[in-house]
Amino acid sequence: MDIIEEDYPEKYDTLKNKISQLGRLFTQDEWLNILMKSRAEHDPFLPKRSDWERKD
């Protein structure tokens, strides 16, 4: 969002307002469901906890 705010300030407020409206379209449970499904779809691409522990 910082890049959009800097490079396209005339569009930033509109985008920010649209995102705010999007948040109100779904209930808390619906958002949780969306986030859980998104996480499941991206899980194969995310680092595993064992990978994090090896870096320490």
PDB file of N, CA and C in Angstrom:
ATOM      1  N   MET A   1       0.824  -1.197   0.000  1.00  0.00           N
ATOM      2  CA  MET A   1       0.000   0.000   0.000  1.00  0.00           C
ATOM      3  C   MET A   1       0.869   1.262   0.000  1.00  0.00           C
ATOM      4  N   ASP A   2       2.043   1.174   0.612  1.00  0.00           N
ATOM      5  CA  ASP A   2       2.916   2.351   0.642  1.00  0.00           C
ATOM      6  C   ASP A   2       3.312   2.795  -0.763  1.00  0.00           C
ATOM      7  N   ILE A   3       3.592   1.843  -1.617  1.00  0.00           N
ATOM      8  CA  ILE A   3       3.990   2.173  -2.993  1.00  0.00           C
ATOM      9  C   ILE A   3       2.836   2.835  -3.729  1.00  0.00           C
ATOM     10  N   ILE A   4       1.634   2.298  -3.551  1.00  0.00           N
ATOM     11  CA  ILE A   4       0.464   2.893  -4.200  1.00  0.00           C
ATOM     12  C   ILE A   4       0.245   4.308  -3.679  1.00  0.00           C
ATOM     13  N   GLU A   5       0.381   4.481  -2.383  1.00  0.00           N
ATOM     14  CA  GLU A   5       0.191   5.819  -1.801  1.00  0.00           C
ATOM     15  C   GLU A   5       1.200   6.811  -2.375  1.00  0.00           C
ATOM     16  N   GLU A   6       2.451   6.387  -2.545  1.00  0.00           N
ATOM     17  CA  GLU A   6       3.480   7.281  -3.075  1.00  0.00           C
ATOM     18  C   GLU A   6       3.340   7.528  -4.574  1.00  0.00           C
ATOM     19  N   ASP A   7       3.156   6.445  -5.330  1.00  0.00           N
ATOM     20  CA  ASP A   7       3.166   6.563  -6.787  1.00  0.00           C
ATOM     21  C   ASP A   7       1.825   6.957  -7.399  1.00  0.00           C
ATOM     22  N   TYR A   8       0.735   6.636  -6.723  1.00  0.00           N
ATOM     23  CA  TYR A   8      -0.608   6.910  -7.249  1.00  0.00           C
ATOM     24  C   TYR A   8      -1.489   7.533  -6.169  1.00  0.00           C
ATOM     25  N   PRO A   9      -1.089   8.679  -5.632  1.00  0.00           N
ATOM     26  CA  PRO A   9      -1.846   9.263  -4.514  1.00  0.00           C
ATOM     27  C   PRO A   9      -3.309   9.557  -4.855  1.00  0.00           C
ATOM     28  N   GLU A  10      -3.586   9.852  -6.131  1.00  0.00           N
ATOM     29  CA  GLU A  10      -4.959  10.164  -6.518  1.00  0.00           C
ATOM     30  C   GLU A  10      -5.858   8.928  -6.454  1.00  0.00           C
ATOM     31  N   LYS A  11      -5.272   7.739  -6.508  1.00  0.00           N
ATOM     32  CA  LYS A  11      -6.052   6.501  -6.454  1.00  0.00           C
ATOM     33  C   LYS A  11      -6.024   5.838  -5.073  1.00  0.00           C
ATOM     34  N   TYR A  12      -5.112   6.278  -4.239  1.00  0.00           N
ATOM     35  CA  TYR A  12      -4.916   5.649  -2.935  1.00  0.00           C
ATOM     36  C   TYR A  12      -6.156   5.710  -2.049  1.00  0.00           C
ATOM     37  N   ASP A  13      -6.753   6.879  -1.896  1.00  0.00           N
ATOM     38  CA  ASP A  13      -7.934   7.030  -1.035  1.00  0.00           C
ATOM     39  C   ASP A  13      -9.100   6.176  -1.519  1.00  0.00           C
ATOM     40  N   THR A  14      -9.285   6.115  -2.824  1.00  0.00           N
ATOM     41  CA  THR A  14     -10.356   5.288  -3.378  1.00  0.00           C
ATOM     42  C   THR A  14     -10.115   3.829  -3.033  1.00  0.00           C
ATOM     43  N   LEU A  15      -8.896   3.373  -3.227  1.00  0.00           N
ATOM     44  CA  LEU A  15      -8.555   1.985  -2.919  1.00  0.00           C
ATOM     45  C   LEU A  15      -8.735   1.702  -1.429  1.00  0.00           C
ATOM     46  N   LYS A  16      -8.289   2.606  -0.600  1.00  0.00           N
ATOM     47  CA  LYS A  16      -8.410   2.437   0.851  1.00  0.00           C
ATOM     48  C   LYS A  16      -9.882   2.340   1.258  1.00  0.00           C
ATOM     49  N   ASN A  17     -10.723   3.158   0.676  1.00  0.00           N
ATOM     50  CA  ASN A  17     -12.155   3.116   0.984  1.00  0.00           C
ATOM     51  C   ASN A  17     -12.784   1.810   0.504  1.00  0.00           C
ATOM     52  N   LYS A  18     -12.396   1.341  -0.661  1.00  0.00           N
ATOM     53  CA  LYS A  18     -12.933   0.080  -1.197  1.00  0.00           C
ATOM     54  C   LYS A  18     -12.524  -1.100  -0.309  1.00  0.00           C
ATOM     55  N   ILE A  19     -11.290  -1.102   0.148  1.00  0.00           N
ATOM     56  CA  ILE A  19     -10.829  -2.169   1.040  1.00  0.00           C
ATOM     57  C   ILE A  19     -11.614  -2.132   2.345  1.00  0.00           C
ATOM     58  N   SER A  20     -11.873  -0.951   2.849  1.00  0.00           N
ATOM     59  CA  SER A  20     -12.661  -0.811   4.074  1.00  0.00           C
ATOM     60  C   SER A  20     -14.068  -1.371   3.877  1.00  0.00           C
ATOM     61  N   GLN A  21     -14.665  -1.099   2.730  1.00  0.00           N
ATOM     62  CA  GLN A  21     -16.000  -1.620   2.425  1.00  0.00           C
ATOM     63  C   GLN A  21     -15.976  -3.136   2.296  1.00  0.00           C
ATOM     64  N   LEU A  22     -14.932  -3.667   1.713  1.00  0.00           N
ATOM     65  CA  LEU A  22     -14.796  -5.112   1.549  1.00  0.00           C
ATOM     66  C   LEU A  22     -14.800  -5.806   2.908  1.00  0.00           C
ATOM     67  N   GLY A  23     -14.163  -5.210   3.873  1.00  0.00           N
ATOM     68  CA  GLY A  23     -14.111  -5.791   5.209  1.00  0.00           C
ATOM     69  C   GLY A  23     -15.480  -5.967   5.831  1.00  0.00           C
ATOM     70  N   ARG A  24     -16.413  -5.134   5.466  1.00  0.00           N
ATOM     71  CA  ARG A  24     -17.759  -5.203   6.042  1.00  0.00           C
ATOM     72  C   ARG A  24     -18.699  -6.139   5.281  1.00  0.00           C
ATOM     73  N   LEU A  25     -18.243  -6.674   4.166  1.00  0.00           N
ATOM     74  CA  LEU A  25     -19.090  -7.566   3.368  1.00  0.00           C
ATOM     75  C   LEU A  25     -19.257  -8.944   4.002  1.00  0.00           C
ATOM     76  N   PHE A  26     -18.291  -9.344   4.820  1.00  0.00           N
ATOM     77  CA  PHE A  26     -18.281 -10.687   5.376  1.00  0.00           C
ATOM     78  C   PHE A  26     -18.321 -10.639   6.901  1.00  0.00           C
ATOM     79  N   THR A  27     -18.913 -11.670   7.480  1.00  0.00           N
ATOM     80  CA  THR A  27     -18.926 -11.777   8.943  1.00  0.00           C
ATOM     81  C   THR A  27     -17.549 -12.228   9.409  1.00  0.00           C
ATOM     82  N   GLN A  28     -17.334 -12.198  10.701  1.00  0.00           N
ATOM     83  CA  GLN A  28     -16.061 -12.650  11.261  1.00  0.00           C
ATOM     84  C   GLN A  28     -15.827 -14.126  10.930  1.00  0.00           C
ATOM     85  N   ASP A  29     -16.861 -14.941  11.039  1.00  0.00           N
ATOM     86  CA  ASP A  29     -16.734 -16.363  10.715  1.00  0.00           C
ATOM     87  C   ASP A  29     -16.427 -16.581   9.240  1.00  0.00           C
ATOM     88  N   GLU A  30     -17.036 -15.776   8.375  1.00  0.00           N
ATOM     89  CA  GLU A  30     -16.765 -15.896   6.947  1.00  0.00           C
ATOM     90  C   GLU A  30     -15.321 -15.519   6.633  1.00  0.00           C
ATOM     91  N   TRP A  31     -14.810 -14.457   7.283  1.00  0.00           N
ATOM     92  CA  TRP A  31     -13.418 -14.069   7.078  1.00  0.00           C
ATOM     93  C   TRP A  31     -12.481 -15.166   7.551  1.00  0.00           C
ATOM     94  N   LEU A  32     -12.791 -15.761   8.686  1.00  0.00           N
ATOM     95  CA  LEU A  32     -11.967 -16.845   9.200  1.00  0.00           C
ATOM     96  C   LEU A  32     -11.937 -18.008   8.210  1.00  0.00           C
ATOM     97  N   ASN A  33     -13.082 -18.345   7.656  1.00  0.00           N
ATOM     98  CA  ASN A  33     -13.169 -19.403   6.661  1.00  0.00           C
ATOM     99  C   ASN A  33     -12.334 -19.066   5.421  1.00  0.00           C
ATOM    100  N   ILE A  34     -12.423 -17.832   4.956  1.00  0.00           N
ATOM    101  CA  ILE A  34     -11.641 -17.383   3.802  1.00  0.00           C
ATOM    102  C   ILE A  34     -10.147 -17.492   4.093  1.00  0.00           C
ATOM    103  N   LEU A  35      -9.735 -17.030   5.256  1.00  0.00           N
ATOM    104  CA  LEU A  35      -8.313 -17.068   5.609  1.00  0.00           C
ATOM    105  C   LEU A  35      -7.799 -18.493   5.762  1.00  0.00           C
ATOM    106  N   MET A  36      -8.601 -19.374   6.352  1.00  0.00           N
ATOM    107  CA  MET A  36      -8.188 -20.765   6.521  1.00  0.00           C
ATOM    108  C   MET A  36      -8.047 -21.456   5.165  1.00  0.00           C
ATOM    109  N   LYS A  37      -8.980 -21.214   4.251  1.00  0.00           N
ATOM    110  CA  LYS A  37      -8.888 -21.812   2.918  1.00  0.00           C
ATOM    111  C   LYS A  37      -7.681 -21.264   2.158  1.00  0.00           C
ATOM    112  N   SER A  38      -7.438 -19.982   2.280  1.00  0.00           N
ATOM    113  CA  SER A  38      -6.292 -19.372   1.621  1.00  0.00           C
ATOM    114  C   SER A  38      -5.002 -19.963   2.151  1.00  0.00           C
ATOM    115  N   ARG A  39      -4.920 -20.109   3.462  1.00  0.00           N
ATOM    116  CA  ARG A  39      -3.718 -20.699   4.083  1.00  0.00           C
ATOM    117  C   ARG A  39      -3.520 -22.125   3.580  1.00  0.00           C
ATOM    118  N   ALA A  40      -4.587 -22.896   3.503  1.00  0.00           N
ATOM    119  CA  ALA A  40      -4.489 -24.287   3.044  1.00  0.00           C
ATOM    120  C   ALA A  40      -3.990 -24.349   1.597  1.00  0.00           C
ATOM    121  N   GLU A  41      -4.447 -23.430   0.756  1.00  0.00           N
ATOM    122  CA  GLU A  41      -4.019 -23.415  -0.639  1.00  0.00           C
ATOM    123  C   GLU A  41      -2.549 -23.032  -0.787  1.00  0.00           C
ATOM    124  N   HIS A  42      -2.071 -22.160   0.104  1.00  0.00           N
ATOM    125  CA  HIS A  42      -0.693 -21.677   0.005  1.00  0.00           C
ATOM    126  C   HIS A  42       0.270 -22.461   0.884  1.00  0.00           C
ATOM    127  N   ASP A  43      -0.229 -23.352   1.703  1.00  0.00           N
ATOM    128  CA  ASP A  43       0.602 -24.099   2.635  1.00  0.00           C
ATOM    129  C   ASP A  43       1.794 -24.784   1.977  1.00  0.00           C
ATOM    130  N   PRO A  44       1.624 -25.405   0.808  1.00  0.00           N
ATOM    131  CA  PRO A  44       2.785 -26.058   0.183  1.00  0.00           C
ATOM    132  C   PRO A  44       3.942 -25.102  -0.124  1.00  0.00           C
ATOM    133  N   PHE A  45       3.657 -23.816  -0.257  1.00  0.00           N
ATOM    134  CA  PHE A  45       4.680 -22.844  -0.617  1.00  0.00           C
ATOM    135  C   PHE A  45       5.281 -22.126   0.590  1.00  0.00           C
ATOM    136  N   LEU A  46       4.702 -22.315   1.768  1.00  0.00           N
ATOM    137  CA  LEU A  46       5.165 -21.638   2.973  1.00  0.00           C
ATOM    138  C   LEU A  46       6.273 -22.445   3.640  1.00  0.00           C
ATOM    139  N   PRO A  47       7.244 -21.753   4.264  1.00  0.00           N
ATOM    140  CA  PRO A  47       8.310 -22.493   4.953  1.00  0.00           C
ATOM    141  C   PRO A  47       7.731 -23.273   6.143  1.00  0.00           C
ATOM    142  N   LYS A  48       8.270 -24.440   6.349  1.00  0.00           N
ATOM    143  CA  LYS A  48       7.829 -25.271   7.471  1.00  0.00           C
ATOM    144  C   LYS A  48       8.532 -24.818   8.743  1.00  0.00           C
ATOM    145  N   ARG A  49       7.943 -25.083   9.871  1.00  0.00           N
ATOM    146  CA  ARG A  49       8.510 -24.668  11.150  1.00  0.00           C
ATOM    147  C   ARG A  49       9.925 -25.221  11.332  1.00  0.00           C
ATOM    148  N   SER A  50      10.158 -26.436  10.911  1.00  0.00           N
ATOM    149  CA  SER A  50      11.504 -27.014  11.039  1.00  0.00           C
ATOM    150  C   SER A  50      12.523 -26.200  10.250  1.00  0.00           C
ATOM    151  N   ASP A  51      12.100 -25.605   9.131  1.00  0.00           N
ATOM    152  CA  ASP A  51      12.993 -24.737   8.353  1.00  0.00           C
ATOM    153  C   ASP A  51      13.364 -23.489   9.138  1.00  0.00           C
ATOM    154  N   TRP A  52      12.415 -22.952   9.899  1.00  0.00           N
ATOM    155  CA  TRP A  52      12.695 -21.755  10.711  1.00  0.00           C
ATOM    156  C   TRP A  52      13.686 -22.089  11.814  1.00  0.00           C
ATOM    157  N   GLU A  53      13.516 -23.237  12.431  1.00  0.00           N
ATOM    158  CA  GLU A  53      14.360 -23.620  13.567  1.00  0.00           C
ATOM    159  C   GLU A  53      15.803 -23.836  13.136  1.00  0.00           C
ATOM    160  N   ARG A  54      16.034 -24.305  11.925  1.00  0.00           N
ATOM    161  CA  ARG A  54      17.390 -24.547  11.433  1.00  0.00           C
ATOM    162  C   ARG A  54      18.162 -23.257  11.256  1.00  0.00           C
ATOM    163  N   LYS A  55      17.470 -22.161  11.001  1.00  0.00           N
ATOM    164  CA  LYS A  55      18.139 -20.882  10.768  1.00  0.00           C
ATOM    165  C   LYS A  55      18.717 -20.291  12.051  1.00  0.00           C
ATOM    166  N   ASP A  56      18.179 -20.691  13.187  1.00  0.00           N
ATOM    167  CA  ASP A  56      18.652 -20.120  14.468  1.00  0.00           C
ATOM    168  C   ASP A  56      19.987 -20.656  14.902  1.00  0.00           C
TER     169      ASP A  56
END
